[in-house]
């Protein structure tokens, strides 16, 4: 089938979800279909194969389920006076993908390698703030680049590129002595702010990345 690869790819989040929950398919009582795409017969078949032939729950309208969920989320986020079952409802937002920066592995001085350094692992509850201290890899290094990615591959460039910026004007120093803090901060609206601060001068640069993770805007230098 032309679309079989796409259908199989839809099962990756299901398998990741089970792995994150440390559950196997036999531990799942019901598989409830929600969303218009769940009506596709092949999607249902592939999903049923993942759960070893388990009967899928089709007793609810998949479109109404999404609309109902959105309405509940809106009610909770508005912070108004909740009634009935919503009084005991807790809404937890998490990061769907890991977030980090591209770093250089200098273990082999003849063969530097780029990799993804994760600061915020996927499924972390938001809002969240994480900070990590890095150091220069060259003598008298004048600037450092900060490329921000999201994804699960150890190779940064195989993940989703979100944006980058540079922190320039580092004071001359032997490699490893000049240090800078990189901070990832996600607010309650899912907006990601990434900054880098030179620990010796206090100079700071960064970017703010919108919650849709497709656009970003620069922020002013900070002292």
N, C-alpha and C. Protein backbone atom coordinates (compact mmCIF):
# COMPACT_ATOMS: atom_id res chain seq x y z
N UNK A 1 0.83 -1.19 0.00
CA UNK A 1 0.00 0.00 0.00
C UNK A 1 0.87 1.25 0.00
N UNK A 2 0.41 2.28 -0.71
CA UNK A 2 1.18 3.51 -0.81
C UNK A 2 1.35 4.20 0.54
N UNK A 3 0.33 4.11 1.38
CA UNK A 3 0.35 4.85 2.64
C UNK A 3 0.73 4.00 3.84
N UNK A 4 1.16 2.77 3.63
CA UNK A 4 1.44 1.88 4.76
C UNK A 4 2.52 2.43 5.68
N UNK A 5 3.55 3.05 5.09
CA UNK A 5 4.62 3.62 5.92
C UNK A 5 4.08 4.70 6.85
N UNK A 6 3.14 5.51 6.33
CA UNK A 6 2.55 6.56 7.16
C UNK A 6 1.70 5.96 8.28
N UNK A 7 0.96 4.91 7.96
CA UNK A 7 0.13 4.27 8.97
C UNK A 7 1.00 3.65 10.07
N UNK A 8 2.08 3.00 9.66
CA UNK A 8 2.98 2.39 10.65
C UNK A 8 3.64 3.47 11.52
N UNK A 9 3.94 4.61 10.89
CA UNK A 9 4.57 5.70 11.65
C UNK A 9 3.62 6.24 12.72
N UNK A 10 2.32 6.15 12.47
CA UNK A 10 1.34 6.59 13.46
C UNK A 10 1.41 5.75 14.73
N UNK A 11 1.98 4.57 14.63
CA UNK A 11 2.05 3.69 15.80
C UNK A 11 3.23 4.02 16.71
N UNK A 12 4.19 4.81 16.22
CA UNK A 12 5.36 5.14 17.03
C UNK A 12 4.98 5.86 18.32
N UNK A 13 4.09 6.87 18.27
CA UNK A 13 3.69 7.52 19.54
C UNK A 13 3.00 6.55 20.50
N UNK A 14 2.26 5.59 19.95
CA UNK A 14 1.58 4.61 20.81
C UNK A 14 2.63 3.79 21.56
N UNK A 15 3.64 3.33 20.83
CA UNK A 15 4.68 2.51 21.45
C UNK A 15 5.51 3.32 22.43
N UNK A 16 5.77 4.59 22.11
CA UNK A 16 6.51 5.45 23.04
C UNK A 16 5.71 5.69 24.30
N UNK A 17 4.41 5.88 24.14
CA UNK A 17 3.53 6.11 25.29
C UNK A 17 3.55 4.90 26.22
N UNK A 18 3.48 3.72 25.66
CA UNK A 18 3.52 2.51 26.47
C UNK A 18 4.87 2.38 27.17
N UNK A 19 5.94 2.71 26.45
CA UNK A 19 7.27 2.63 27.03
C UNK A 19 7.46 3.62 28.17
N UNK A 20 6.97 4.85 27.98
CA UNK A 20 7.09 5.87 29.02
C UNK A 20 6.31 5.47 30.28
N UNK A 21 5.17 4.82 30.06
CA UNK A 21 4.33 4.39 31.19
C UNK A 21 4.81 3.07 31.79
N UNK A 22 5.84 2.47 31.16
CA UNK A 22 6.37 1.17 31.61
C UNK A 22 5.25 0.13 31.65
N UNK A 23 4.48 0.11 30.57
CA UNK A 23 3.38 -0.84 30.44
C UNK A 23 3.55 -1.64 29.17
N UNK A 24 2.99 -2.84 29.15
CA UNK A 24 2.93 -3.60 27.90
C UNK A 24 1.50 -3.60 27.40
N UNK A 25 1.29 -4.09 26.19
CA UNK A 25 -0.05 -4.01 25.59
C UNK A 25 -1.08 -4.80 26.40
N UNK A 26 -0.63 -5.82 27.11
CA UNK A 26 -1.56 -6.62 27.90
C UNK A 26 -2.10 -5.88 29.11
N UNK A 27 -1.44 -4.77 29.49
CA UNK A 27 -1.88 -4.01 30.66
C UNK A 27 -2.96 -2.99 30.33
N UNK A 28 -3.24 -2.80 29.05
CA UNK A 28 -4.23 -1.80 28.62
C UNK A 28 -5.62 -2.42 28.58
N UNK A 29 -6.55 -1.83 29.32
CA UNK A 29 -7.91 -2.37 29.38
C UNK A 29 -8.72 -2.04 28.14
N UNK A 30 -8.66 -0.76 27.71
CA UNK A 30 -9.44 -0.33 26.55
C UNK A 30 -8.60 0.55 25.65
N UNK A 31 -8.77 0.40 24.35
CA UNK A 31 -8.13 1.26 23.36
C UNK A 31 -9.24 2.11 22.74
N UNK A 32 -9.30 3.37 23.14
CA UNK A 32 -10.39 4.25 22.71
C UNK A 32 -9.93 5.08 21.52
N UNK A 33 -10.73 5.10 20.48
CA UNK A 33 -10.41 5.86 19.27
C UNK A 33 -10.94 7.28 19.39
N UNK A 34 -10.09 8.25 19.06
CA UNK A 34 -10.50 9.65 19.09
C UNK A 34 -9.83 10.38 17.95
N UNK A 35 -10.56 11.34 17.34
CA UNK A 35 -10.01 12.07 16.20
C UNK A 35 -10.46 11.48 14.89
N UNK A 36 -10.65 12.34 13.90
CA UNK A 36 -11.20 11.89 12.62
C UNK A 36 -10.40 10.81 11.92
N UNK A 37 -9.07 10.86 12.03
CA UNK A 37 -8.22 9.88 11.34
C UNK A 37 -8.40 8.47 11.88
N UNK A 38 -8.93 8.37 13.10
CA UNK A 38 -9.12 7.04 13.67
C UNK A 38 -10.23 6.26 12.97
N UNK A 39 -10.96 6.94 12.07
CA UNK A 39 -12.00 6.25 11.29
C UNK A 39 -11.41 5.45 10.13
N UNK A 40 -10.16 5.72 9.76
CA UNK A 40 -9.55 5.04 8.62
C UNK A 40 -9.39 3.55 8.95
N UNK A 41 -9.98 2.67 8.16
CA UNK A 41 -9.93 1.23 8.47
C UNK A 41 -8.51 0.69 8.64
N UNK A 42 -7.57 1.16 7.80
CA UNK A 42 -6.20 0.63 7.90
C UNK A 42 -5.54 1.09 9.19
N UNK A 43 -5.81 2.31 9.64
CA UNK A 43 -5.28 2.78 10.92
C UNK A 43 -5.79 1.89 12.04
N UNK A 44 -7.08 1.56 11.99
CA UNK A 44 -7.66 0.69 13.01
C UNK A 44 -7.01 -0.69 12.98
N UNK A 45 -6.77 -1.20 11.77
CA UNK A 45 -6.17 -2.53 11.65
C UNK A 45 -4.75 -2.56 12.21
N UNK A 46 -3.95 -1.55 11.84
CA UNK A 46 -2.57 -1.50 12.33
C UNK A 46 -2.53 -1.34 13.84
N UNK A 47 -3.43 -0.49 14.37
CA UNK A 47 -3.50 -0.29 15.82
C UNK A 47 -3.90 -1.59 16.52
N UNK A 48 -4.85 -2.30 15.93
CA UNK A 48 -5.29 -3.56 16.52
C UNK A 48 -4.16 -4.58 16.52
N UNK A 49 -3.31 -4.53 15.48
CA UNK A 49 -2.16 -5.43 15.43
C UNK A 49 -1.17 -5.14 16.55
N UNK A 50 -0.98 -3.84 16.84
CA UNK A 50 -0.07 -3.46 17.93
C UNK A 50 -0.56 -4.05 19.24
N UNK A 51 -1.89 -4.04 19.44
CA UNK A 51 -2.47 -4.56 20.69
C UNK A 51 -2.90 -6.02 20.56
N UNK A 52 -2.27 -6.72 19.62
CA UNK A 52 -2.42 -8.18 19.48
C UNK A 52 -3.87 -8.61 19.32
N UNK A 53 -4.58 -7.89 18.46
CA UNK A 53 -5.94 -8.27 18.12
C UNK A 53 -7.01 -7.79 19.08
N UNK A 54 -6.64 -6.98 20.05
CA UNK A 54 -7.62 -6.49 21.02
C UNK A 54 -8.70 -5.68 20.33
N UNK A 55 -9.96 -5.88 20.74
CA UNK A 55 -11.08 -5.15 20.15
C UNK A 55 -10.97 -3.66 20.51
N UNK A 56 -11.11 -2.80 19.50
CA UNK A 56 -11.01 -1.36 19.73
C UNK A 56 -12.34 -0.80 20.21
N UNK A 57 -12.26 0.21 21.09
CA UNK A 57 -13.48 0.83 21.61
C UNK A 57 -13.95 1.92 20.65
N UNK A 58 -15.13 1.71 20.05
CA UNK A 58 -15.67 2.67 19.08
C UNK A 58 -17.01 3.23 19.55
N UNK A 59 -17.23 3.20 20.84
CA UNK A 59 -18.55 3.58 21.37
C UNK A 59 -18.75 5.09 21.48
N UNK A 60 -17.67 5.87 21.31
CA UNK A 60 -17.82 7.32 21.37
C UNK A 60 -17.57 7.92 19.99
N UNK A 61 -18.12 9.09 19.77
CA UNK A 61 -17.90 9.80 18.52
C UNK A 61 -16.47 10.39 18.55
N UNK A 62 -15.59 10.02 17.63
CA UNK A 62 -14.19 10.47 17.69
C UNK A 62 -14.03 11.98 17.55
N UNK A 63 -14.93 12.63 16.81
CA UNK A 63 -14.86 14.09 16.67
C UNK A 63 -15.33 14.78 17.95
N UNK A 64 -16.41 14.27 18.54
CA UNK A 64 -16.92 14.85 19.77
C UNK A 64 -15.92 14.69 20.91
N UNK A 65 -15.17 13.61 20.91
CA UNK A 65 -14.18 13.38 21.96
C UNK A 65 -13.12 14.47 21.96
N UNK A 66 -12.67 14.86 20.75
CA UNK A 66 -11.66 15.92 20.64
C UNK A 66 -12.26 17.26 21.07
N UNK A 67 -13.48 17.55 20.63
CA UNK A 67 -14.13 18.81 20.99
C UNK A 67 -14.37 18.88 22.50
N UNK A 68 -14.78 17.77 23.08
CA UNK A 68 -15.04 17.74 24.53
C UNK A 68 -13.73 17.98 25.29
N UNK A 69 -12.66 17.33 24.86
CA UNK A 69 -11.37 17.51 25.51
C UNK A 69 -10.90 18.95 25.43
N UNK A 70 -11.08 19.58 24.27
CA UNK A 70 -10.67 20.98 24.11
C UNK A 70 -11.50 21.89 25.01
N UNK A 71 -12.79 21.59 25.14
CA UNK A 71 -13.65 22.41 26.00
C UNK A 71 -13.25 22.29 27.47
N UNK A 72 -12.92 21.07 27.89
CA UNK A 72 -12.48 20.86 29.28
C UNK A 72 -11.18 21.60 29.54
N UNK A 73 -10.25 21.51 28.59
CA UNK A 73 -8.97 22.19 28.75
C UNK A 73 -9.18 23.70 28.84
N UNK A 74 -10.04 24.23 27.99
CA UNK A 74 -10.31 25.67 28.01
C UNK A 74 -10.89 26.09 29.36
N UNK A 75 -11.80 25.28 29.89
CA UNK A 75 -12.43 25.61 31.16
C UNK A 75 -11.41 25.63 32.29
N UNK A 76 -10.49 24.65 32.28
CA UNK A 76 -9.48 24.58 33.34
C UNK A 76 -8.49 25.73 33.22
N UNK A 77 -8.08 26.04 31.99
CA UNK A 77 -7.08 27.09 31.79
C UNK A 77 -7.61 28.48 32.11
N UNK A 78 -8.91 28.68 31.95
CA UNK A 78 -9.46 30.00 32.25
C UNK A 78 -9.48 30.27 33.75
N UNK A 79 -9.40 29.21 34.56
CA UNK A 79 -9.33 29.39 36.00
C UNK A 79 -10.61 29.89 36.62
N UNK A 80 -11.73 29.69 35.96
CA UNK A 80 -13.00 30.15 36.49
C UNK A 80 -13.55 29.21 37.55
N UNK A 81 -14.77 29.45 37.96
CA UNK A 81 -15.42 28.59 38.95
C UNK A 81 -15.89 27.31 38.26
N UNK A 82 -15.23 26.20 38.58
CA UNK A 82 -15.54 24.92 37.95
C UNK A 82 -16.63 24.21 38.75
N UNK A 83 -17.49 23.50 38.04
CA UNK A 83 -18.60 22.83 38.70
C UNK A 83 -18.58 21.35 38.35
N UNK A 84 -19.28 20.57 39.15
CA UNK A 84 -19.41 19.15 38.88
C UNK A 84 -18.08 18.42 38.89
N UNK A 85 -17.92 17.54 37.91
CA UNK A 85 -16.72 16.70 37.86
C UNK A 85 -15.45 17.52 37.62
N UNK A 86 -15.58 18.70 37.03
CA UNK A 86 -14.40 19.51 36.74
C UNK A 86 -13.74 20.05 38.01
N UNK A 87 -14.45 20.04 39.12
CA UNK A 87 -13.87 20.54 40.36
C UNK A 87 -12.66 19.73 40.78
N UNK A 88 -12.67 18.45 40.46
CA UNK A 88 -11.57 17.57 40.85
C UNK A 88 -10.66 17.23 39.67
N UNK A 89 -10.79 18.04 38.61
CA UNK A 89 -10.02 17.76 37.39
C UNK A 89 -8.67 18.46 37.45
N UNK A 90 -7.61 17.71 37.14
CA UNK A 90 -6.26 18.28 37.10
C UNK A 90 -5.71 18.16 35.69
N UNK A 91 -5.25 19.27 35.14
CA UNK A 91 -4.71 19.29 33.78
C UNK A 91 -3.19 19.44 33.85
N UNK A 92 -2.48 18.48 33.28
CA UNK A 92 -1.02 18.51 33.28
C UNK A 92 -0.51 18.61 31.85
N UNK A 93 0.23 19.66 31.55
CA UNK A 93 0.87 19.80 30.25
C UNK A 93 2.30 19.30 30.34
N UNK A 94 2.72 18.58 29.30
CA UNK A 94 4.09 18.06 29.27
C UNK A 94 4.72 18.39 27.92
N UNK A 95 6.03 18.30 27.86
CA UNK A 95 6.73 18.52 26.60
C UNK A 95 6.66 17.24 25.77
N UNK A 96 6.15 17.30 24.53
CA UNK A 96 6.01 16.09 23.73
C UNK A 96 7.34 15.56 23.21
N UNK A 97 8.34 16.43 23.11
CA UNK A 97 9.65 16.04 22.60
C UNK A 97 10.74 16.61 23.51
N UNK A 98 11.89 15.94 23.51
CA UNK A 98 13.03 16.45 24.28
C UNK A 98 13.56 17.73 23.64
N UNK A 99 14.09 18.62 24.47
CA UNK A 99 14.63 19.90 24.00
C UNK A 99 16.08 20.02 24.45
N UNK A 100 16.93 20.50 23.54
CA UNK A 100 18.33 20.64 23.90
C UNK A 100 19.10 21.45 22.87
N UNK A 101 20.42 21.43 23.01
CA UNK A 101 21.30 22.18 22.12
C UNK A 101 22.31 21.23 21.49
N UNK A 102 22.82 21.66 20.35
CA UNK A 102 23.88 20.88 19.68
C UNK A 102 25.21 21.17 20.37
N UNK A 103 25.91 20.11 20.76
CA UNK A 103 27.20 20.24 21.43
C UNK A 103 28.26 19.44 20.69
N UNK A 104 29.51 19.68 21.06
CA UNK A 104 30.64 19.01 20.42
C UNK A 104 31.32 18.07 21.41
N UNK A 105 31.46 16.81 21.00
CA UNK A 105 32.16 15.81 21.80
C UNK A 105 33.65 15.89 21.47
N UNK A 106 34.45 16.29 22.44
CA UNK A 106 35.89 16.48 22.22
C UNK A 106 36.72 15.33 22.79
N UNK A 107 36.09 14.19 23.04
CA UNK A 107 36.80 13.05 23.62
C UNK A 107 37.98 12.66 22.74
N UNK A 108 37.75 12.61 21.42
CA UNK A 108 38.81 12.33 20.46
C UNK A 108 39.25 13.65 19.84
N UNK A 109 40.44 14.17 20.20
CA UNK A 109 40.86 15.49 19.69
C UNK A 109 41.05 15.53 18.18
N UNK A 110 41.14 14.37 17.55
CA UNK A 110 41.30 14.32 16.09
C UNK A 110 39.98 14.13 15.37
N UNK A 111 38.92 13.93 16.12
CA UNK A 111 37.63 13.66 15.48
C UNK A 111 36.49 14.18 16.35
N UNK A 112 36.28 15.51 16.30
CA UNK A 112 35.18 16.11 17.06
C UNK A 112 33.85 15.66 16.46
N UNK A 113 32.88 15.35 17.33
CA UNK A 113 31.57 14.91 16.87
C UNK A 113 30.48 15.77 17.49
N UNK A 114 29.45 16.05 16.69
CA UNK A 114 28.31 16.84 17.16
C UNK A 114 27.23 15.90 17.72
N UNK A 115 26.61 16.32 18.80
CA UNK A 115 25.55 15.50 19.38
C UNK A 115 24.50 16.40 20.04
N UNK A 116 23.38 15.81 20.37
CA UNK A 116 22.26 16.52 21.01
C UNK A 116 22.42 16.42 22.53
N UNK A 117 22.56 17.56 23.18
CA UNK A 117 22.62 17.61 24.64
C UNK A 117 21.25 18.02 25.16
N UNK A 118 20.54 17.08 25.76
CA UNK A 118 19.16 17.32 26.20
C UNK A 118 19.14 18.04 27.54
N UNK A 119 18.44 19.18 27.58
CA UNK A 119 18.26 19.90 28.83
C UNK A 119 16.89 19.61 29.44
N UNK A 120 15.87 19.48 28.58
CA UNK A 120 14.53 19.15 29.07
C UNK A 120 14.06 17.87 28.37
N UNK A 121 14.01 16.75 29.09
CA UNK A 121 13.55 15.49 28.48
C UNK A 121 12.08 15.55 28.12
N UNK A 122 11.66 14.78 27.15
CA UNK A 122 10.25 14.73 26.78
C UNK A 122 9.43 14.21 27.96
N UNK A 123 8.18 14.61 27.96
CA UNK A 123 7.23 14.28 29.03
C UNK A 123 7.53 15.00 30.34
N UNK A 124 8.36 16.06 30.29
CA UNK A 124 8.58 16.88 31.48
C UNK A 124 7.37 17.80 31.66
N UNK A 125 6.91 17.95 32.90
CA UNK A 125 5.77 18.83 33.16
C UNK A 125 6.17 20.29 32.99
N UNK A 126 5.28 21.06 32.41
CA UNK A 126 5.52 22.50 32.27
C UNK A 126 4.53 23.26 33.14
N UNK A 127 4.93 24.45 33.62
CA UNK A 127 6.17 25.17 33.30
C UNK A 127 7.39 24.48 33.90
N UNK A 128 8.55 24.72 33.26
CA UNK A 128 9.79 24.10 33.72
C UNK A 128 10.97 24.99 33.33
N UNK A 129 12.00 24.96 34.14
CA UNK A 129 13.20 25.73 33.87
C UNK A 129 14.42 24.87 34.18
N UNK A 130 15.34 24.76 33.21
CA UNK A 130 16.55 23.96 33.38
C UNK A 130 17.76 24.76 32.93
N UNK A 131 18.86 24.59 33.66
CA UNK A 131 20.09 25.32 33.35
C UNK A 131 21.27 24.35 33.33
N UNK A 132 22.20 24.60 32.41
CA UNK A 132 23.40 23.76 32.31
C UNK A 132 24.60 24.63 31.99
N UNK A 133 25.74 24.33 32.61
CA UNK A 133 26.95 25.10 32.39
C UNK A 133 27.84 24.40 31.36
N UNK A 134 28.23 25.15 30.33
CA UNK A 134 29.12 24.65 29.29
C UNK A 134 30.44 25.41 29.34
N UNK A 135 31.42 24.93 28.60
CA UNK A 135 32.72 25.59 28.55
C UNK A 135 33.24 25.61 27.12
N UNK A 136 34.20 26.48 26.87
CA UNK A 136 34.76 26.60 25.53
C UNK A 136 35.61 25.37 25.19
N UNK A 137 35.77 25.12 23.89
CA UNK A 137 36.55 23.95 23.45
C UNK A 137 37.82 24.35 22.70
N UNK A 138 38.03 25.66 22.55
CA UNK A 138 39.24 26.16 21.88
C UNK A 138 39.90 27.22 22.76
N UNK A 139 41.21 27.36 22.62
CA UNK A 139 41.92 28.45 23.29
C UNK A 139 41.47 29.79 22.71
N UNK A 140 41.28 30.77 23.58
CA UNK A 140 40.92 32.14 23.17
C UNK A 140 39.68 32.18 22.28
N UNK A 141 38.74 31.30 22.54
CA UNK A 141 37.50 31.26 21.78
C UNK A 141 36.71 32.55 22.01
N UNK A 142 36.31 33.21 20.93
CA UNK A 142 35.68 34.52 21.04
C UNK A 142 34.17 34.46 21.11
N UNK A 143 33.58 33.38 20.61
CA UNK A 143 32.12 33.28 20.61
C UNK A 143 31.69 31.82 20.66
N UNK A 144 30.43 31.62 21.04
CA UNK A 144 29.85 30.28 21.02
C UNK A 144 28.48 30.36 20.35
N UNK A 145 28.17 29.34 19.59
CA UNK A 145 26.87 29.26 18.95
C UNK A 145 25.95 28.35 19.74
N UNK A 146 24.67 28.67 19.73
CA UNK A 146 23.68 27.86 20.46
C UNK A 146 22.56 27.50 19.49
N UNK A 147 22.58 26.27 19.00
CA UNK A 147 21.55 25.78 18.08
C UNK A 147 20.57 24.93 18.87
N UNK A 148 19.30 25.31 18.83
CA UNK A 148 18.26 24.67 19.64
C UNK A 148 17.49 23.65 18.80
N UNK A 149 17.32 22.45 19.35
CA UNK A 149 16.61 21.37 18.66
C UNK A 149 15.60 20.72 19.58
N UNK A 150 14.62 20.03 18.96
CA UNK A 150 13.71 19.16 19.70
C UNK A 150 13.64 17.82 18.99
N UNK A 151 13.63 16.75 19.76
CA UNK A 151 13.58 15.41 19.18
C UNK A 151 14.30 14.41 20.06
N UNK A 152 14.34 13.16 19.60
CA UNK A 152 14.88 12.08 20.42
C UNK A 152 16.17 11.48 19.87
N UNK A 153 16.62 11.93 18.70
CA UNK A 153 17.86 11.39 18.15
C UNK A 153 19.07 11.98 18.86
N UNK A 154 20.10 11.16 19.08
CA UNK A 154 21.32 11.67 19.70
C UNK A 154 22.05 12.61 18.74
N UNK A 155 21.82 12.45 17.43
CA UNK A 155 22.41 13.34 16.44
C UNK A 155 21.49 14.55 16.30
N UNK A 156 22.00 15.72 16.68
CA UNK A 156 21.15 16.92 16.73
C UNK A 156 20.48 17.22 15.40
N UNK A 157 21.23 17.13 14.31
CA UNK A 157 20.69 17.52 13.01
C UNK A 157 19.61 16.57 12.49
N UNK A 158 19.40 15.45 13.16
CA UNK A 158 18.31 14.56 12.78
C UNK A 158 17.02 14.93 13.53
N UNK A 159 17.11 15.92 14.41
CA UNK A 159 15.94 16.40 15.15
C UNK A 159 15.38 17.66 14.49
N UNK A 160 14.34 18.22 15.07
CA UNK A 160 13.71 19.43 14.53
C UNK A 160 14.50 20.66 14.98
N UNK A 161 14.99 21.42 14.02
CA UNK A 161 15.73 22.65 14.32
C UNK A 161 14.75 23.76 14.66
N UNK A 162 14.94 24.42 15.80
CA UNK A 162 14.02 25.45 16.26
C UNK A 162 14.57 26.86 16.09
N UNK A 163 15.87 27.02 16.15
CA UNK A 163 16.46 28.36 16.05
C UNK A 163 17.86 28.36 16.62
N UNK A 164 18.59 29.45 16.39
CA UNK A 164 19.94 29.55 16.95
C UNK A 164 20.30 31.01 17.22
N UNK A 165 21.35 31.18 18.00
CA UNK A 165 21.89 32.51 18.29
C UNK A 165 23.34 32.33 18.72
N UNK A 166 24.08 33.42 18.80
CA UNK A 166 25.49 33.38 19.19
C UNK A 166 25.74 34.31 20.37
N UNK A 167 26.64 33.87 21.22
CA UNK A 167 27.11 34.69 22.33
C UNK A 167 28.55 35.08 22.02
N UNK A 168 28.77 36.34 21.67
CA UNK A 168 30.09 36.81 21.23
C UNK A 168 30.75 37.64 22.32
N UNK A 169 32.02 37.99 22.05
CA UNK A 169 32.74 38.84 22.98
C UNK A 169 33.26 38.14 24.21
N UNK A 170 33.53 36.83 24.11
CA UNK A 170 34.07 36.11 25.26
C UNK A 170 35.51 36.57 25.54
N UNK A 171 35.89 36.81 26.79
CA UNK A 171 37.26 37.22 27.12
C UNK A 171 38.25 36.11 26.75
N UNK A 172 39.44 36.45 26.26
CA UNK A 172 40.43 35.43 25.91
C UNK A 172 40.77 34.56 27.12
N UNK A 173 40.80 33.25 26.91
CA UNK A 173 41.11 32.32 27.99
C UNK A 173 41.43 30.95 27.40
N UNK A 174 42.22 30.14 28.10
CA UNK A 174 42.47 28.77 27.62
C UNK A 174 41.17 27.99 27.52
N UNK A 175 41.15 27.00 26.64
CA UNK A 175 39.93 26.21 26.47
C UNK A 175 39.52 25.56 27.79
N UNK A 176 38.23 25.54 28.03
CA UNK A 176 37.70 24.94 29.24
C UNK A 176 37.59 25.88 30.41
N UNK A 177 38.24 27.04 30.33
CA UNK A 177 38.19 27.97 31.47
C UNK A 177 37.06 28.98 31.34
N UNK A 178 36.76 29.38 30.12
CA UNK A 178 35.63 30.29 29.91
C UNK A 178 34.34 29.47 29.97
N UNK A 179 33.44 29.84 30.87
CA UNK A 179 32.21 29.07 31.06
C UNK A 179 30.99 29.95 30.82
N UNK A 180 29.93 29.31 30.38
CA UNK A 180 28.68 30.04 30.14
C UNK A 180 27.50 29.13 30.48
N UNK A 181 26.47 29.75 31.03
CA UNK A 181 25.25 29.04 31.40
C UNK A 181 24.23 29.11 30.27
N UNK A 182 23.66 27.96 29.93
CA UNK A 182 22.55 27.91 28.98
C UNK A 182 21.29 27.54 29.75
N UNK A 183 20.26 28.35 29.58
CA UNK A 183 19.01 28.17 30.33
C UNK A 183 17.84 27.93 29.38
N UNK A 184 17.06 26.88 29.63
CA UNK A 184 15.82 26.60 28.92
C UNK A 184 14.66 26.86 29.87
N UNK A 185 13.73 27.70 29.45
CA UNK A 185 12.61 28.07 30.30
C UNK A 185 11.32 27.98 29.49
N UNK A 186 10.41 27.08 29.88
CA UNK A 186 9.11 26.95 29.22
C UNK A 186 8.04 27.44 30.18
N UNK A 187 7.25 28.42 29.75
CA UNK A 187 6.21 28.95 30.64
C UNK A 187 4.92 28.13 30.50
N UNK A 188 3.90 28.54 31.24
CA UNK A 188 2.64 27.79 31.26
C UNK A 188 1.95 27.78 29.91
N UNK A 189 2.28 28.71 29.02
CA UNK A 189 1.69 28.75 27.68
C UNK A 189 2.49 27.96 26.65
N UNK A 190 3.55 27.31 27.11
CA UNK A 190 4.37 26.50 26.20
C UNK A 190 5.40 27.30 25.44
N UNK A 191 5.58 28.57 25.76
CA UNK A 191 6.57 29.40 25.07
C UNK A 191 7.96 29.12 25.65
N UNK A 192 8.89 28.81 24.77
CA UNK A 192 10.25 28.43 25.18
C UNK A 192 11.20 29.61 25.02
N UNK A 193 11.90 29.93 26.10
CA UNK A 193 12.94 30.95 26.07
C UNK A 193 14.28 30.28 26.34
N UNK A 194 15.23 30.51 25.45
CA UNK A 194 16.56 29.93 25.59
C UNK A 194 17.57 31.07 25.66
N UNK A 195 18.43 31.03 26.66
CA UNK A 195 19.43 32.09 26.80
C UNK A 195 20.78 31.48 27.16
N UNK A 196 21.83 32.22 26.84
CA UNK A 196 23.21 31.85 27.20
C UNK A 196 23.85 33.06 27.85
N UNK A 197 24.52 32.84 28.98
CA UNK A 197 25.12 33.94 29.74
C UNK A 197 26.58 33.65 30.04
N UNK A 198 27.45 34.57 29.66
CA UNK A 198 28.87 34.46 29.97
C UNK A 198 29.05 34.66 31.47
N UNK A 199 29.59 33.67 32.16
CA UNK A 199 29.68 33.73 33.61
C UNK A 199 30.70 34.75 34.11
N UNK A 200 31.64 35.14 33.25
CA UNK A 200 32.67 36.09 33.68
C UNK A 200 32.26 37.54 33.47
N UNK A 201 31.46 37.81 32.44
CA UNK A 201 31.09 39.19 32.13
C UNK A 201 29.61 39.48 32.37
N UNK A 202 28.78 38.43 32.45
CA UNK A 202 27.35 38.64 32.62
C UNK A 202 26.63 38.95 31.32
N UNK A 203 27.38 38.97 30.21
CA UNK A 203 26.73 39.22 28.91
C UNK A 203 25.77 38.09 28.59
N UNK A 204 24.62 38.44 28.01
CA UNK A 204 23.58 37.46 27.79
C UNK A 204 22.92 37.64 26.43
N UNK A 205 22.64 36.53 25.76
CA UNK A 205 21.89 36.54 24.50
C UNK A 205 20.90 35.38 24.53
N UNK A 206 19.88 35.47 23.70
CA UNK A 206 18.93 34.38 23.66
C UNK A 206 17.84 34.58 22.63
N UNK A 207 16.92 33.64 22.58
CA UNK A 207 15.77 33.71 21.67
C UNK A 207 14.54 33.22 22.41
N UNK A 208 13.38 33.64 21.93
CA UNK A 208 12.11 33.15 22.43
C UNK A 208 11.41 32.43 21.28
N UNK A 209 11.02 31.19 21.52
CA UNK A 209 10.43 30.35 20.48
C UNK A 209 8.96 30.11 20.82
N UNK A 210 8.09 30.42 19.88
CA UNK A 210 6.65 30.30 20.11
C UNK A 210 6.25 28.87 20.39
N UNK A 211 5.08 28.72 20.98
CA UNK A 211 4.62 27.39 21.39
C UNK A 211 4.37 26.46 20.21
N UNK A 212 4.18 27.02 19.00
CA UNK A 212 3.98 26.15 17.84
C UNK A 212 5.31 25.62 17.31
N UNK A 213 6.43 26.09 17.93
CA UNK A 213 7.77 25.60 17.62
C UNK A 213 8.18 25.80 16.17
N UNK A 214 7.55 26.79 15.49
CA UNK A 214 7.92 27.03 14.10
C UNK A 214 8.52 28.41 13.87
N UNK A 215 8.29 29.34 14.80
CA UNK A 215 8.83 30.68 14.63
C UNK A 215 9.52 31.12 15.90
N UNK A 216 10.48 32.00 15.76
CA UNK A 216 11.17 32.50 16.96
C UNK A 216 11.52 33.96 16.75
N UNK A 217 11.76 34.64 17.84
CA UNK A 217 12.10 36.03 17.75
C UNK A 217 13.24 36.33 18.72
N UNK A 218 14.12 37.26 18.37
CA UNK A 218 15.26 37.56 19.22
C UNK A 218 14.87 38.39 20.42
N UNK A 219 15.69 38.34 21.44
CA UNK A 219 15.49 39.19 22.60
C UNK A 219 16.71 40.09 22.75
N UNK A 220 16.55 41.18 23.45
CA UNK A 220 17.62 42.15 23.58
C UNK A 220 18.79 41.59 24.40
N UNK A 221 19.99 42.10 24.11
CA UNK A 221 21.14 41.73 24.92
C UNK A 221 20.90 42.15 26.36
N UNK A 222 21.36 41.35 27.28
CA UNK A 222 21.22 41.69 28.70
C UNK A 222 22.60 41.73 29.34
N UNK A 223 22.78 42.59 30.30
CA UNK A 223 24.06 42.71 31.01
C UNK A 223 23.95 42.08 32.38
